[in-house]
């Protein structure tokens, strides 16, 4: 009887300071998955804050950004402007053969510059091919939306709108004769895309 009494007394005894179970560490209150979730949430929150700060620090006026891009472009491609000017002069003079060769070589050398594609669009318009011009203008505008912004020096919105109007007429006339014309249907997709770009631009 005395041993049973001793067991009961010991099991109800409140431990004094220093006798707490080591397993009472606060981490033991968390399931492993809970701990992983907490760490992931902290990392995600930190990354989100970092991205917001970076965005705030890198915001600059639109005009300043355009000027900076122009300066960078001129530094990276110092002869691009000269060749573009030469191609324009050849086009104006009606020397379509040499201008086409030069423009296509510019596209090959500078595939991520919008200007050569816009020039090729001009070339096709001078050769009365608004559908081909439509495709090239799309490439140029995708690379540099400033071509549709009348506040910039490279604005070509008026020429693009003329091209859209002529291309639309040709597409509608062609589809009226053959609604299943796959090539014209593809051109119509490009036309709709460019119409949305123009409508959403500052031009």
N, C-alpha and C. Protein backbone atom coordinates (compact mmCIF):
# COMPACT_ATOMS: atom_id res chain seq x y z
N UNK A 1 0.83 -1.20 0.00
CA UNK A 1 0.00 0.00 0.00
C UNK A 1 0.86 1.24 0.00
N UNK A 2 1.97 1.21 0.76
CA UNK A 2 2.79 2.42 0.86
C UNK A 2 3.42 2.73 -0.47
N UNK A 3 3.81 1.70 -1.28
CA UNK A 3 4.44 1.96 -2.59
C UNK A 3 3.46 2.59 -3.54
N UNK A 4 2.18 2.12 -3.50
CA UNK A 4 1.15 2.71 -4.37
C UNK A 4 0.94 4.15 -4.01
N UNK A 5 0.94 4.46 -2.74
CA UNK A 5 0.74 5.83 -2.28
C UNK A 5 1.86 6.73 -2.75
N UNK A 6 3.10 6.20 -2.75
CA UNK A 6 4.24 6.99 -3.19
C UNK A 6 4.17 7.30 -4.67
N UNK A 7 3.74 6.34 -5.48
CA UNK A 7 3.61 6.56 -6.94
C UNK A 7 2.60 7.63 -7.21
N UNK A 8 1.46 7.59 -6.53
CA UNK A 8 0.40 8.57 -6.75
C UNK A 8 0.87 9.96 -6.38
N UNK A 9 1.62 10.04 -5.28
CA UNK A 9 2.09 11.35 -4.83
C UNK A 9 3.10 11.94 -5.80
N UNK A 10 4.02 11.09 -6.34
CA UNK A 10 5.05 11.56 -7.26
C UNK A 10 4.45 12.02 -8.58
N UNK A 11 3.41 11.32 -9.06
CA UNK A 11 2.82 11.66 -10.35
C UNK A 11 2.10 12.98 -10.30
N UNK A 12 1.65 13.43 -9.16
CA UNK A 12 0.91 14.68 -9.04
C UNK A 12 1.80 15.83 -8.60
N UNK A 13 3.08 15.55 -8.34
CA UNK A 13 3.96 16.60 -7.83
C UNK A 13 4.27 17.61 -8.93
N UNK A 14 4.21 18.91 -8.64
CA UNK A 14 4.53 19.99 -9.59
C UNK A 14 6.03 20.16 -9.61
N UNK A 15 6.69 20.04 -10.75
CA UNK A 15 8.16 20.14 -10.78
C UNK A 15 8.60 21.54 -10.42
N UNK A 16 9.69 21.60 -9.68
CA UNK A 16 10.25 22.89 -9.30
C UNK A 16 11.11 23.40 -10.44
N UNK A 17 11.56 24.68 -10.32
CA UNK A 17 12.35 25.31 -11.37
C UNK A 17 13.60 24.50 -11.64
N UNK A 18 13.90 24.29 -12.95
CA UNK A 18 15.09 23.52 -13.33
C UNK A 18 14.79 22.08 -13.60
N UNK A 19 13.57 21.61 -13.23
CA UNK A 19 13.22 20.22 -13.45
C UNK A 19 12.30 20.03 -14.64
N UNK A 20 12.00 21.11 -15.39
CA UNK A 20 11.09 20.99 -16.52
C UNK A 20 11.68 20.04 -17.55
N UNK A 21 10.80 19.36 -18.28
CA UNK A 21 11.22 18.42 -19.32
C UNK A 21 11.89 19.19 -20.45
N UNK A 22 13.06 18.71 -20.89
CA UNK A 22 13.77 19.36 -21.98
C UNK A 22 12.91 19.39 -23.24
N UNK A 23 12.04 18.45 -23.41
CA UNK A 23 11.16 18.39 -24.58
C UNK A 23 10.17 19.51 -24.62
N UNK A 24 10.13 20.38 -23.60
CA UNK A 24 9.18 21.49 -23.60
C UNK A 24 9.65 22.67 -24.41
N UNK A 25 10.75 22.52 -25.15
CA UNK A 25 11.22 23.60 -26.03
C UNK A 25 10.10 24.02 -26.96
N UNK A 26 10.04 25.38 -27.28
CA UNK A 26 8.89 25.90 -28.04
C UNK A 26 8.79 25.29 -29.43
N UNK A 27 9.94 24.80 -29.98
CA UNK A 27 9.87 24.20 -31.30
C UNK A 27 9.07 22.92 -31.32
N UNK A 28 8.97 22.28 -30.13
CA UNK A 28 8.22 21.02 -30.08
C UNK A 28 6.74 21.25 -30.26
N UNK A 29 6.30 22.50 -30.09
CA UNK A 29 4.88 22.81 -30.28
C UNK A 29 4.48 22.81 -31.74
N UNK A 30 5.48 22.82 -32.64
CA UNK A 30 5.19 22.88 -34.07
C UNK A 30 5.36 21.51 -34.70
N UNK A 31 4.44 21.19 -35.52
CA UNK A 31 4.60 20.05 -36.39
C UNK A 31 5.66 20.38 -37.43
N UNK A 32 6.37 19.40 -37.94
CA UNK A 32 7.41 19.68 -38.93
C UNK A 32 6.86 20.42 -40.14
N UNK A 33 5.69 20.04 -40.63
CA UNK A 33 5.09 20.72 -41.77
C UNK A 33 4.73 22.16 -41.44
N UNK A 34 4.28 22.39 -40.19
CA UNK A 34 3.97 23.76 -39.77
C UNK A 34 5.21 24.62 -39.81
N UNK A 35 6.34 24.07 -39.37
CA UNK A 35 7.59 24.82 -39.35
C UNK A 35 8.06 25.15 -40.76
N UNK A 36 7.95 24.16 -41.66
CA UNK A 36 8.33 24.39 -43.05
C UNK A 36 7.46 25.47 -43.68
N UNK A 37 6.15 25.42 -43.40
CA UNK A 37 5.24 26.41 -43.94
C UNK A 37 5.57 27.81 -43.44
N UNK A 38 5.94 27.89 -42.15
CA UNK A 38 6.29 29.19 -41.57
C UNK A 38 7.53 29.76 -42.24
N UNK A 39 8.55 28.92 -42.42
CA UNK A 39 9.79 29.39 -43.06
C UNK A 39 9.52 29.83 -44.49
N UNK A 40 8.70 29.06 -45.23
CA UNK A 40 8.37 29.41 -46.61
C UNK A 40 7.63 30.74 -46.68
N UNK A 41 6.72 30.95 -45.73
CA UNK A 41 5.95 32.20 -45.71
C UNK A 41 6.85 33.39 -45.46
N UNK A 42 7.82 33.22 -44.55
CA UNK A 42 8.75 34.31 -44.25
C UNK A 42 9.61 34.63 -45.47
N UNK A 43 10.09 33.60 -46.15
CA UNK A 43 10.91 33.81 -47.35
C UNK A 43 10.10 34.50 -48.44
N UNK A 44 8.86 34.05 -48.64
CA UNK A 44 8.00 34.65 -49.67
C UNK A 44 7.73 36.12 -49.37
N UNK A 45 7.44 36.42 -48.12
CA UNK A 45 7.16 37.81 -47.74
C UNK A 45 8.39 38.68 -47.96
N UNK A 46 9.56 38.15 -47.60
CA UNK A 46 10.79 38.92 -47.80
C UNK A 46 11.05 39.18 -49.27
N UNK A 47 10.81 38.17 -50.12
CA UNK A 47 11.02 38.35 -51.55
C UNK A 47 10.07 39.38 -52.13
N UNK A 48 8.81 39.35 -51.68
CA UNK A 48 7.81 40.31 -52.16
C UNK A 48 8.21 41.73 -51.80
N UNK A 49 8.66 41.92 -50.57
CA UNK A 49 9.10 43.26 -50.14
C UNK A 49 10.29 43.72 -50.96
N UNK A 50 11.22 42.81 -51.23
CA UNK A 50 12.40 43.16 -52.02
C UNK A 50 12.02 43.61 -53.42
N UNK A 51 11.07 42.89 -54.06
CA UNK A 51 10.65 43.25 -55.41
C UNK A 51 9.96 44.60 -55.44
N UNK A 52 9.16 44.89 -54.43
CA UNK A 52 8.48 46.19 -54.36
C UNK A 52 9.49 47.32 -54.24
N UNK A 53 10.48 47.11 -53.37
CA UNK A 53 11.51 48.14 -53.18
C UNK A 53 12.29 48.38 -54.47
N UNK A 54 12.65 47.29 -55.15
CA UNK A 54 13.40 47.42 -56.40
C UNK A 54 12.58 48.17 -57.44
N UNK A 55 11.28 47.87 -57.51
CA UNK A 55 10.42 48.55 -58.49
C UNK A 55 10.32 50.03 -58.18
N UNK A 56 10.19 50.37 -56.92
CA UNK A 56 10.09 51.78 -56.54
C UNK A 56 11.37 52.53 -56.90
N UNK A 57 12.51 51.88 -56.64
CA UNK A 57 13.79 52.54 -56.90
C UNK A 57 14.08 52.69 -58.38
N UNK A 58 13.49 51.80 -59.22
CA UNK A 58 13.81 51.83 -60.64
C UNK A 58 12.78 52.59 -61.46
N UNK A 59 11.73 53.12 -60.85
CA UNK A 59 10.73 53.88 -61.59
C UNK A 59 11.33 55.19 -62.07
N UNK A 60 11.10 55.50 -63.33
CA UNK A 60 11.58 56.76 -63.88
C UNK A 60 10.58 57.27 -64.89
N UNK A 61 10.57 58.58 -65.16
CA UNK A 61 9.63 59.13 -66.13
C UNK A 61 9.77 58.46 -67.48
N UNK A 62 8.65 58.38 -68.20
CA UNK A 62 8.64 57.69 -69.48
C UNK A 62 9.61 58.34 -70.47
N UNK A 63 9.62 59.67 -70.52
CA UNK A 63 10.52 60.37 -71.45
C UNK A 63 11.98 60.09 -71.11
N UNK A 64 12.28 60.08 -69.80
CA UNK A 64 13.66 59.81 -69.39
C UNK A 64 14.07 58.40 -69.78
N UNK A 65 13.14 57.45 -69.64
CA UNK A 65 13.45 56.07 -70.00
C UNK A 65 13.71 55.95 -71.50
N UNK A 66 12.89 56.64 -72.30
CA UNK A 66 13.08 56.59 -73.75
C UNK A 66 14.42 57.19 -74.15
N UNK A 67 14.79 58.32 -73.50
CA UNK A 67 16.07 58.95 -73.80
C UNK A 67 17.23 58.02 -73.42
N UNK A 68 17.08 57.38 -72.25
CA UNK A 68 18.15 56.47 -71.80
C UNK A 68 18.31 55.31 -72.78
N UNK A 69 17.19 54.76 -73.26
CA UNK A 69 17.27 53.65 -74.20
C UNK A 69 17.92 54.08 -75.51
N UNK A 70 17.63 55.31 -75.93
CA UNK A 70 18.22 55.82 -77.17
C UNK A 70 19.73 55.96 -77.02
N UNK A 71 20.16 56.46 -75.86
CA UNK A 71 21.60 56.62 -75.62
C UNK A 71 22.29 55.27 -75.60
N UNK A 72 21.69 54.31 -74.90
CA UNK A 72 22.26 52.96 -74.83
C UNK A 72 22.36 52.35 -76.23
N UNK A 73 21.29 52.54 -77.01
CA UNK A 73 21.27 51.98 -78.36
C UNK A 73 22.38 52.56 -79.22
N UNK A 74 22.58 53.89 -79.10
CA UNK A 74 23.60 54.54 -79.91
C UNK A 74 25.00 54.11 -79.49
N UNK A 75 25.17 53.78 -78.21
CA UNK A 75 26.48 53.32 -77.74
C UNK A 75 26.76 51.90 -78.20
N UNK A 76 25.75 51.05 -78.07
CA UNK A 76 25.92 49.65 -78.45
C UNK A 76 26.03 49.49 -79.96
N UNK A 77 25.22 50.26 -80.73
CA UNK A 77 25.20 50.16 -82.18
C UNK A 77 25.55 51.52 -82.80
N UNK A 78 26.80 51.93 -82.73
CA UNK A 78 27.17 53.28 -83.15
C UNK A 78 26.91 53.58 -84.62
N UNK A 79 26.91 52.53 -85.48
CA UNK A 79 26.72 52.77 -86.90
C UNK A 79 25.29 52.53 -87.36
N UNK A 80 24.40 52.17 -86.43
CA UNK A 80 23.02 51.86 -86.81
C UNK A 80 22.32 53.08 -87.39
N UNK A 81 22.43 54.23 -86.72
CA UNK A 81 21.75 55.44 -87.17
C UNK A 81 22.20 55.84 -88.57
N UNK A 82 23.49 55.74 -88.83
CA UNK A 82 24.00 56.12 -90.14
C UNK A 82 23.44 55.22 -91.24
N UNK A 83 23.38 53.92 -90.96
CA UNK A 83 22.86 52.99 -91.96
C UNK A 83 21.36 53.18 -92.17
N UNK A 84 20.65 53.48 -91.10
CA UNK A 84 19.21 53.73 -91.23
C UNK A 84 18.97 54.98 -92.06
N UNK A 85 19.75 56.01 -91.81
CA UNK A 85 19.62 57.25 -92.59
C UNK A 85 19.91 57.00 -94.06
N UNK A 86 20.92 56.19 -94.34
CA UNK A 86 21.24 55.86 -95.73
C UNK A 86 20.10 55.09 -96.39
N UNK A 87 19.51 54.14 -95.64
CA UNK A 87 18.39 53.37 -96.19
C UNK A 87 17.20 54.28 -96.49
N UNK A 88 16.94 55.25 -95.60
CA UNK A 88 15.86 56.20 -95.85
C UNK A 88 16.11 57.02 -97.11
N UNK A 89 17.36 57.45 -97.29
CA UNK A 89 17.70 58.24 -98.47
C UNK A 89 17.53 57.42 -99.75
N UNK A 90 17.91 56.15 -99.69
CA UNK A 90 17.75 55.28 -100.85
C UNK A 90 16.26 55.08 -101.18
N UNK A 91 15.46 54.93 -100.12
CA UNK A 91 14.01 54.78 -100.34
C UNK A 91 13.42 56.03 -100.97
N UNK A 92 13.79 57.16 -100.43
CA UNK A 92 13.27 58.43 -100.93
C UNK A 92 13.66 58.65 -102.39
N UNK A 93 14.86 58.22 -102.73
CA UNK A 93 15.35 58.37 -104.11
C UNK A 93 14.77 57.33 -105.05
N UNK A 94 14.00 56.39 -104.51
CA UNK A 94 13.41 55.36 -105.35
C UNK A 94 14.34 54.23 -105.70
N UNK A 95 15.45 54.14 -105.00
CA UNK A 95 16.40 53.07 -105.25
C UNK A 95 16.01 51.87 -104.39
N UNK A 96 14.95 51.19 -104.82
CA UNK A 96 14.36 50.13 -104.00
C UNK A 96 15.26 48.91 -103.86
N UNK A 97 16.02 48.59 -104.92
CA UNK A 97 16.88 47.42 -104.86
C UNK A 97 17.94 47.53 -103.77
N UNK A 98 18.69 48.62 -103.78
CA UNK A 98 19.74 48.81 -102.78
C UNK A 98 19.16 49.01 -101.38
N UNK A 99 18.04 49.74 -101.30
CA UNK A 99 17.44 49.98 -99.99
C UNK A 99 16.94 48.68 -99.35
N UNK A 100 16.37 47.80 -100.17
CA UNK A 100 15.88 46.52 -99.63
C UNK A 100 17.04 45.68 -99.10
N UNK A 101 18.12 45.63 -99.86
CA UNK A 101 19.29 44.86 -99.43
C UNK A 101 19.85 45.41 -98.12
N UNK A 102 19.95 46.74 -98.03
CA UNK A 102 20.49 47.36 -96.83
C UNK A 102 19.58 47.15 -95.63
N UNK A 103 18.28 47.33 -95.83
CA UNK A 103 17.33 47.18 -94.72
C UNK A 103 17.34 45.75 -94.18
N UNK A 104 17.33 44.77 -95.07
CA UNK A 104 17.32 43.38 -94.62
C UNK A 104 18.64 43.00 -93.94
N UNK A 105 19.73 43.64 -94.37
CA UNK A 105 21.00 43.37 -93.69
C UNK A 105 20.98 43.98 -92.29
N UNK A 106 20.29 45.12 -92.13
CA UNK A 106 20.15 45.73 -90.80
C UNK A 106 19.33 44.83 -89.88
N UNK A 107 18.28 44.25 -90.42
CA UNK A 107 17.46 43.33 -89.61
C UNK A 107 18.29 42.13 -89.17
N UNK A 108 19.14 41.66 -90.06
CA UNK A 108 20.00 40.52 -89.72
C UNK A 108 21.03 40.89 -88.66
N UNK A 109 21.57 42.13 -88.78
CA UNK A 109 22.62 42.56 -87.84
C UNK A 109 22.05 43.05 -86.51
N UNK A 110 20.84 43.64 -86.57
CA UNK A 110 20.22 44.21 -85.37
C UNK A 110 18.79 43.68 -85.21
N UNK A 111 18.65 42.39 -84.93
CA UNK A 111 17.31 41.79 -84.89
C UNK A 111 16.41 42.30 -83.77
N UNK A 112 17.00 42.95 -82.77
CA UNK A 112 16.20 43.42 -81.64
C UNK A 112 16.00 44.94 -81.65
N UNK A 113 16.29 45.56 -82.81
CA UNK A 113 16.02 46.98 -83.00
C UNK A 113 14.75 47.12 -83.83
N UNK A 114 13.87 48.03 -83.42
CA UNK A 114 12.61 48.19 -84.14
C UNK A 114 12.75 48.94 -85.44
N UNK A 115 13.73 49.85 -85.54
CA UNK A 115 13.85 50.73 -86.70
C UNK A 115 13.96 49.99 -88.04
N UNK A 116 14.80 48.96 -88.17
CA UNK A 116 14.89 48.28 -89.46
C UNK A 116 13.56 47.66 -89.91
N UNK A 117 12.78 47.14 -88.98
CA UNK A 117 11.48 46.57 -89.34
C UNK A 117 10.52 47.65 -89.80
N UNK A 118 10.56 48.81 -89.14
CA UNK A 118 9.71 49.91 -89.57
C UNK A 118 10.11 50.38 -90.97
N UNK A 119 11.41 50.40 -91.23
CA UNK A 119 11.90 50.77 -92.56
C UNK A 119 11.44 49.78 -93.62
N UNK A 120 11.47 48.50 -93.28
CA UNK A 120 11.01 47.49 -94.23
C UNK A 120 9.52 47.65 -94.49
N UNK A 121 8.77 48.04 -93.46
CA UNK A 121 7.36 48.35 -93.66
C UNK A 121 7.18 49.51 -94.62
N UNK A 122 8.01 50.55 -94.46
CA UNK A 122 7.97 51.68 -95.38
C UNK A 122 8.29 51.23 -96.81
N UNK A 123 9.26 50.35 -96.92
CA UNK A 123 9.64 49.83 -98.23
C UNK A 123 8.45 49.14 -98.90
N UNK A 124 7.75 48.29 -98.15
CA UNK A 124 6.61 47.57 -98.73
C UNK A 124 5.46 48.53 -99.07
N UNK A 125 5.28 49.55 -98.27
CA UNK A 125 4.23 50.52 -98.59
C UNK A 125 4.56 51.27 -99.88
N UNK A 126 5.81 51.60 -100.08
CA UNK A 126 6.21 52.26 -101.32
C UNK A 126 6.04 51.34 -102.52
N UNK A 127 6.06 50.04 -102.26
CA UNK A 127 5.85 49.06 -103.32
C UNK A 127 4.40 48.57 -103.35
N UNK A 128 3.52 49.33 -102.66
CA UNK A 128 2.08 49.07 -102.68
C UNK A 128 1.74 47.66 -102.20
N UNK A 129 2.36 47.27 -101.09
CA UNK A 129 2.08 45.97 -100.48
C UNK A 129 1.79 46.19 -98.99
N UNK A 130 0.58 46.70 -98.67
CA UNK A 130 0.25 47.01 -97.27
C UNK A 130 0.18 45.78 -96.36
N UNK A 131 -0.08 44.62 -96.93
CA UNK A 131 -0.15 43.42 -96.10
C UNK A 131 1.23 43.05 -95.56
N UNK A 132 2.22 43.10 -96.44
CA UNK A 132 3.60 42.83 -95.99
C UNK A 132 4.07 43.92 -95.04
N UNK A 133 3.68 45.16 -95.33
CA UNK A 133 4.06 46.27 -94.45
C UNK A 133 3.44 46.10 -93.08
N UNK A 134 2.21 45.62 -93.03
CA UNK A 134 1.50 45.41 -91.77
C UNK A 134 2.29 44.48 -90.85
N UNK A 135 2.82 43.41 -91.41
CA UNK A 135 3.58 42.43 -90.63
C UNK A 135 4.86 43.05 -90.07
N UNK A 136 5.55 43.84 -90.90
CA UNK A 136 6.81 44.44 -90.46
C UNK A 136 6.58 45.53 -89.42
N UNK A 137 5.51 46.30 -89.60
CA UNK A 137 5.20 47.33 -88.61
C UNK A 137 4.88 46.69 -87.26
N UNK A 138 4.23 45.55 -87.30
CA UNK A 138 3.94 44.86 -86.04
C UNK A 138 5.25 44.49 -85.32
N UNK A 139 6.21 43.98 -86.07
CA UNK A 139 7.49 43.60 -85.46
C UNK A 139 8.17 44.82 -84.85
N UNK A 140 8.16 45.93 -85.60
CA UNK A 140 8.81 47.14 -85.11
C UNK A 140 8.14 47.70 -83.87
N UNK A 141 6.82 47.71 -83.87
CA UNK A 141 6.07 48.25 -82.73
C UNK A 141 6.22 47.35 -81.50
N UNK A 142 6.28 46.05 -81.72
CA UNK A 142 6.47 45.14 -80.59
C UNK A 142 7.83 45.37 -79.93
N UNK A 143 8.83 45.68 -80.73
CA UNK A 143 10.16 45.92 -80.18
C UNK A 143 10.28 47.30 -79.56
N UNK A 144 9.53 48.27 -80.10
CA UNK A 144 9.60 49.63 -79.57
C UNK A 144 8.23 50.31 -79.69
N UNK A 145 7.43 50.27 -78.63
CA UNK A 145 6.09 50.87 -78.65
C UNK A 145 6.09 52.37 -78.89
N UNK A 146 7.26 53.02 -78.78
CA UNK A 146 7.33 54.46 -79.00
C UNK A 146 6.93 54.86 -80.40
N UNK A 147 6.95 53.92 -81.33
CA UNK A 147 6.54 54.25 -82.70
C UNK A 147 5.05 54.62 -82.76
N UNK A 148 4.32 54.28 -81.73
CA UNK A 148 2.90 54.65 -81.68
C UNK A 148 2.63 55.74 -80.65
N UNK A 149 3.66 56.30 -80.10
CA UNK A 149 3.51 57.35 -79.08
C UNK A 149 3.90 58.70 -79.70
N UNK A 150 2.90 59.55 -79.88
CA UNK A 150 3.15 60.83 -80.57
C UNK A 150 4.02 61.78 -79.76
N UNK A 151 4.29 61.46 -78.51
CA UNK A 151 5.16 62.32 -77.70
C UNK A 151 6.64 62.03 -77.95
N UNK A 152 6.93 61.01 -78.75
CA UNK A 152 8.33 60.64 -79.00
C UNK A 152 8.77 61.08 -80.40
N UNK A 153 10.07 61.17 -80.57
CA UNK A 153 10.62 61.60 -81.86
C UNK A 153 10.47 60.54 -82.95
N UNK A 154 10.28 59.28 -82.56
CA UNK A 154 10.21 58.20 -83.56
C UNK A 154 8.77 57.86 -83.94
N UNK A 155 7.83 58.68 -83.51
CA UNK A 155 6.40 58.42 -83.76
C UNK A 155 6.11 58.22 -85.25
N UNK A 156 5.44 57.10 -85.56
CA UNK A 156 5.02 56.81 -86.93
C UNK A 156 3.56 56.35 -86.98
N UNK A 157 2.80 56.82 -86.00
CA UNK A 157 1.41 56.39 -85.89
C UNK A 157 0.57 56.68 -87.12
N UNK A 158 0.79 57.85 -87.75
CA UNK A 158 -0.01 58.21 -88.92
C UNK A 158 0.23 57.23 -90.07
N UNK A 159 1.49 56.91 -90.32
CA UNK A 159 1.82 55.96 -91.38
C UNK A 159 1.25 54.58 -91.08
N UNK A 160 1.32 54.18 -89.82
CA UNK A 160 0.78 52.88 -89.43
C UNK A 160 -0.73 52.83 -89.64
N UNK A 161 -1.42 53.91 -89.30
CA UNK A 161 -2.88 53.96 -89.48
C UNK A 161 -3.26 53.88 -90.95
N UNK A 162 -2.49 54.55 -91.81
CA UNK A 162 -2.75 54.46 -93.26
C UNK A 162 -2.59 53.02 -93.73
N UNK A 163 -1.54 52.38 -93.23
CA UNK A 163 -1.29 50.99 -93.60
C UNK A 163 -2.42 50.08 -93.14
N UNK A 164 -2.90 50.30 -91.92
CA UNK A 164 -4.00 49.48 -91.40
C UNK A 164 -5.24 49.63 -92.26
N UNK A 165 -5.53 50.85 -92.66
CA UNK A 165 -6.73 51.09 -93.48
C UNK A 165 -6.63 50.37 -94.82
N UNK A 166 -5.47 50.47 -95.48
CA UNK A 166 -5.30 49.82 -96.77
C UNK A 166 -5.28 48.30 -96.65
N UNK A 167 -4.62 47.82 -95.59
CA UNK A 167 -4.57 46.37 -95.37
C UNK A 167 -5.97 45.82 -95.08
N UNK A 168 -6.75 46.55 -94.29
CA UNK A 168 -8.10 46.13 -93.97
C UNK A 168 -8.94 46.00 -95.23
N UNK A 169 -8.83 47.00 -96.12
CA UNK A 169 -9.61 46.96 -97.37
C UNK A 169 -9.23 45.73 -98.19
N UNK A 170 -7.94 45.46 -98.32
CA UNK A 170 -7.50 44.31 -99.11
C UNK A 170 -7.95 42.99 -98.48
N UNK A 171 -7.89 42.92 -97.17
CA UNK A 171 -8.29 41.68 -96.47
C UNK A 171 -9.78 41.43 -96.64
N UNK A 172 -10.58 42.47 -96.44
CA UNK A 172 -12.03 42.30 -96.56
C UNK A 172 -12.43 41.95 -97.99
N UNK A 173 -11.80 42.61 -98.96
CA UNK A 173 -12.11 42.30 -100.36
C UNK A 173 -11.73 40.86 -100.69
N UNK A 174 -10.58 40.43 -100.21
CA UNK A 174 -10.14 39.07 -100.50
C UNK A 174 -11.00 38.02 -99.83
N UNK A 175 -11.38 38.26 -98.59
CA UNK A 175 -12.21 37.29 -97.86
C UNK A 175 -13.64 37.25 -98.40
N UNK A 176 -14.07 38.34 -98.99
CA UNK A 176 -15.40 38.35 -99.61
C UNK A 176 -15.44 37.38 -100.79
N UNK A 177 -14.30 37.24 -101.46
CA UNK A 177 -14.22 36.33 -102.61
C UNK A 177 -13.92 34.90 -102.16
N UNK A 178 -13.11 34.78 -101.12
CA UNK A 178 -12.75 33.45 -100.62
C UNK A 178 -12.63 33.50 -99.09
N UNK A 179 -13.72 33.24 -98.39
CA UNK A 179 -13.72 33.33 -96.92
C UNK A 179 -12.76 32.37 -96.23
N UNK A 180 -12.33 31.34 -96.94
CA UNK A 180 -11.45 30.33 -96.34
C UNK A 180 -9.98 30.57 -96.66
N UNK A 181 -9.65 31.72 -97.23
CA UNK A 181 -8.26 32.01 -97.59
C UNK A 181 -7.41 32.08 -96.31
N UNK A 182 -6.58 31.08 -96.10
CA UNK A 182 -5.81 30.97 -94.85
C UNK A 182 -4.84 32.13 -94.69
N UNK A 183 -4.21 32.56 -95.78
CA UNK A 183 -3.23 33.64 -95.69
C UNK A 183 -3.90 34.95 -95.28
N UNK A 184 -5.04 35.24 -95.87
CA UNK A 184 -5.76 36.45 -95.52
C UNK A 184 -6.30 36.39 -94.09
N UNK A 185 -6.69 35.21 -93.65
CA UNK A 185 -7.17 35.06 -92.27
C UNK A 185 -6.03 35.34 -91.28
N UNK A 186 -4.83 34.93 -91.65
CA UNK A 186 -3.67 35.22 -90.79
C UNK A 186 -3.39 36.73 -90.76
N UNK A 187 -3.49 37.35 -91.93
CA UNK A 187 -3.29 38.80 -91.99
C UNK A 187 -4.35 39.53 -91.16
N UNK A 188 -5.55 38.99 -91.15
CA UNK A 188 -6.62 39.63 -90.37
C UNK A 188 -6.32 39.57 -88.88
N UNK A 189 -5.71 38.48 -88.43
CA UNK A 189 -5.31 38.38 -87.02
C UNK A 189 -4.29 39.47 -86.69
N UNK A 190 -3.32 39.67 -87.57
CA UNK A 190 -2.31 40.72 -87.37
C UNK A 190 -2.98 42.09 -87.39
N UNK A 191 -3.94 42.28 -88.29
CA UNK A 191 -4.66 43.56 -88.38
C UNK A 191 -5.38 43.87 -87.07
N UNK A 192 -6.10 42.90 -86.53
CA UNK A 192 -6.82 43.11 -85.27
C UNK A 192 -5.85 43.43 -84.15
N UNK A 193 -4.73 42.74 -84.15
CA UNK A 193 -3.71 42.98 -83.11
C UNK A 193 -3.20 44.41 -83.19
N UNK A 194 -2.88 44.86 -84.40
CA UNK A 194 -2.35 46.22 -84.56
C UNK A 194 -3.43 47.27 -84.26
N UNK A 195 -4.66 46.99 -84.58
CA UNK A 195 -5.73 47.93 -84.26
C UNK A 195 -5.85 48.11 -82.75
N UNK A 196 -5.70 47.02 -82.01
CA UNK A 196 -5.74 47.12 -80.55
C UNK A 196 -4.54 47.91 -80.03
N UNK A 197 -3.36 47.69 -80.64
CA UNK A 197 -2.16 48.41 -80.22
C UNK A 197 -2.33 49.91 -80.45
N UNK A 198 -2.87 50.28 -81.59
CA UNK A 198 -3.07 51.69 -81.91
C UNK A 198 -4.10 52.30 -80.97
N UNK A 199 -5.18 51.57 -80.73
CA UNK A 199 -6.23 52.08 -79.85
C UNK A 199 -5.72 52.30 -78.43
N UNK A 200 -4.78 51.50 -78.00
CA UNK A 200 -4.26 51.62 -76.64
C UNK A 200 -3.02 52.48 -76.52
N UNK A 201 -2.61 53.09 -77.64
CA UNK A 201 -1.40 53.90 -77.63
C UNK A 201 -1.71 55.36 -77.34
N UNK A 202 -0.67 56.18 -77.35
CA UNK A 202 -0.81 57.62 -77.13
C UNK A 202 -0.79 58.37 -78.45
N UNK A 203 -1.09 57.69 -79.54
CA UNK A 203 -1.04 58.34 -80.84
C UNK A 203 -2.38 58.49 -81.49
